[in-house]
Amino acid sequence: MSFLVAVITGTVFFIVLSQKATLTTIVLGVLMSVVTYIFTRPVHFEKFPVLVLKLFYNVPKAVFESILVLIFHNGAKRAYEVAVKDEWEELEKTLTITLTPKTLVIVSEEGYMVVHQVGERKK
C-alpha cells in the first residue's frame, strides 16, 4: 500500500512541477517515483496525504490566529508537554503546532514534546 501511495504521490508531484500532463511526464514521474521508493523505503508513506490535508485544514486557523496575535497581544507565555505515540505522530503534531503563530515546539524527545505558547491554552 505504501508503495502505491508513494508512486501516485510522486507522479502527481512530478506532473505539477513539469506543468504538463503528457504521456512522457507520466511515465517519467512513475519511473522516478519507483526509483525513489526503492532507495528510500518510506515506512509510513500512506499517511502522507492525510498529513498534507491536515496542514491545509490548519492554514485558515493559522491566519486567524495571526490576526488575533496582532490585534490582541497577550503577554502570557507558558510551556506545556504533549504526549506522542510514535515518530509519525511526533512529525504530524510538530508541523501542525508550529504552523500556528501562537505555538512553537521547543523540545522533541521520545514520547513527548514541549510546546511554548503565547496566550491562553485551549484544552
Protein backbone atom coordinates (compact mmCIF):
# COMPACT_ATOMS: atom_id res chain seq x y z
CA MET A 1 0.00 0.00 0.00
CA SER A 2 2.82 2.37 0.88
CA PHE A 3 4.43 1.67 -2.49
CA LEU A 4 1.28 2.55 -4.43
CA VAL A 5 0.68 5.78 -2.49
CA ALA A 6 4.33 6.80 -2.93
CA VAL A 7 4.24 6.21 -6.69
CA ILE A 8 0.94 8.07 -7.17
CA THR A 9 2.04 11.00 -5.00
CA GLY A 10 5.44 11.22 -6.68
CA THR A 11 3.91 11.08 -10.16
CA VAL A 12 1.36 13.80 -9.36
CA PHE A 13 4.12 15.93 -7.83
CA PHE A 14 6.28 15.46 -10.95
CA ILE A 15 3.38 16.38 -13.26
CA VAL A 16 2.63 19.51 -11.21
CA LEU A 17 6.28 20.56 -11.28
CA SER A 18 6.66 19.98 -15.01
CA GLN A 19 3.31 21.73 -15.70
CA LYS A 20 2.45 19.15 -18.39
CA ALA A 21 0.32 16.03 -18.31
CA THR A 22 1.77 14.23 -21.31
CA LEU A 23 2.49 10.53 -21.59
CA THR A 24 6.21 11.23 -21.25
CA THR A 25 5.85 13.17 -17.98
CA ILE A 26 3.55 10.50 -16.54
CA VAL A 27 5.97 7.69 -17.42
CA LEU A 28 8.96 9.69 -16.11
CA GLY A 29 7.05 10.50 -12.92
CA VAL A 30 6.21 6.85 -12.33
CA LEU A 31 9.80 5.75 -13.01
CA MET A 32 11.31 8.42 -10.77
CA SER A 33 8.81 7.60 -8.01
CA VAL A 34 9.60 3.87 -8.18
CA VAL A 35 13.36 4.50 -8.08
CA THR A 36 12.96 6.95 -5.19
CA TYR A 37 10.82 4.47 -3.28
CA ILE A 38 13.37 1.69 -3.81
CA PHE A 39 16.20 3.83 -2.44
CA THR A 40 14.35 5.46 0.47
CA ARG A 41 11.80 2.79 1.55
CA PRO A 42 9.47 5.16 3.46
CA VAL A 43 7.64 3.30 6.23
CA HIS A 44 4.54 5.43 6.85
CA PHE A 45 4.08 6.94 3.40
CA GLU A 46 0.40 6.00 3.16
CA LYS A 47 -0.20 8.53 5.97
CA PHE A 48 1.45 11.36 3.99
CA PRO A 49 -1.68 12.53 2.09
CA VAL A 50 -3.57 12.72 5.40
CA LEU A 51 -0.75 14.86 6.84
CA VAL A 52 -0.94 17.23 3.88
CA LEU A 53 -4.72 17.53 4.27
CA LYS A 54 -4.35 18.25 8.00
CA LEU A 55 -1.86 21.01 7.23
CA PHE A 56 -4.18 22.56 4.63
CA TYR A 57 -7.03 22.30 7.14
CA ASN A 58 -4.97 24.21 9.74
CA VAL A 59 -3.87 27.06 7.42
CA PRO A 60 -7.05 29.15 7.96
CA LYS A 61 -6.63 28.67 11.73
CA ALA A 62 -3.06 29.92 11.47
CA VAL A 63 -4.12 33.01 9.52
CA PHE A 64 -6.90 33.73 12.03
CA GLU A 65 -4.53 33.34 14.98
CA SER A 66 -2.00 35.63 13.28
CA ILE A 67 -4.61 38.36 13.12
CA LEU A 68 -5.58 37.77 16.76
CA VAL A 69 -1.96 37.95 17.88
CA LEU A 70 -1.56 41.29 16.10
CA ILE A 71 -4.79 42.77 17.47
CA PHE A 72 -4.92 41.30 20.98
CA HIS A 73 -1.32 40.79 22.04
CA ASN A 74 -1.49 38.84 25.27
CA GLY A 75 1.84 38.70 27.04
CA ALA A 76 1.05 35.44 28.83
CA LYS A 77 3.59 32.78 27.93
CA ARG A 78 3.63 29.19 29.02
CA ALA A 79 5.20 25.85 28.20
CA TYR A 80 3.43 22.51 28.37
CA GLU A 81 4.08 18.91 27.37
CA VAL A 82 2.25 16.96 24.68
CA ALA A 83 2.38 13.16 24.65
CA VAL A 84 3.18 11.38 21.36
CA LYS A 85 2.94 7.67 20.48
CA ASP A 86 5.43 7.32 17.64
CA GLU A 87 7.68 9.27 15.25
CA TRP A 88 4.90 9.85 12.71
CA GLU A 89 2.57 11.39 15.29
CA GLU A 90 5.51 13.50 16.52
CA LEU A 91 6.09 14.82 12.99
CA GLU A 92 2.38 15.47 12.45
CA LYS A 93 1.95 17.33 15.75
CA THR A 94 5.19 19.28 15.30
CA LEU A 95 4.11 20.55 11.88
CA THR A 96 0.56 21.47 12.93
CA ILE A 97 1.65 23.06 16.22
CA THR A 98 4.44 25.07 14.64
CA LEU A 99 2.16 26.18 11.79
CA THR A 100 0.14 28.39 14.16
CA PRO A 101 1.79 31.69 15.16
CA LYS A 102 0.98 31.31 18.88
CA THR A 103 2.76 28.00 19.43
CA LEU A 104 6.19 26.52 18.83
CA VAL A 105 7.68 23.10 19.61
CA ILE A 106 10.91 23.74 21.51
CA VAL A 107 11.87 20.23 22.62
CA SER A 108 11.00 16.98 20.90
CA GLU A 109 12.05 13.86 22.79
CA GLU A 110 10.91 10.26 22.55
CA GLY A 111 7.36 10.06 23.82
CA TYR A 112 6.71 13.77 24.41
CA MET A 113 7.18 17.32 23.10
CA VAL A 114 7.48 20.60 24.99
CA VAL A 115 5.40 23.34 23.39
CA HIS A 116 5.91 27.06 24.02
CA GLN A 117 2.75 29.13 23.63
CA VAL A 118 1.81 32.80 23.76
CA GLY A 119 -1.68 33.42 25.13
CA GLU A 120 -4.26 31.06 26.59
CA ARG A 121 -4.08 27.31 26.00
CA LYS A 122 -7.17 25.66 24.52
CA LYS A 123 -7.98 22.34 26.14
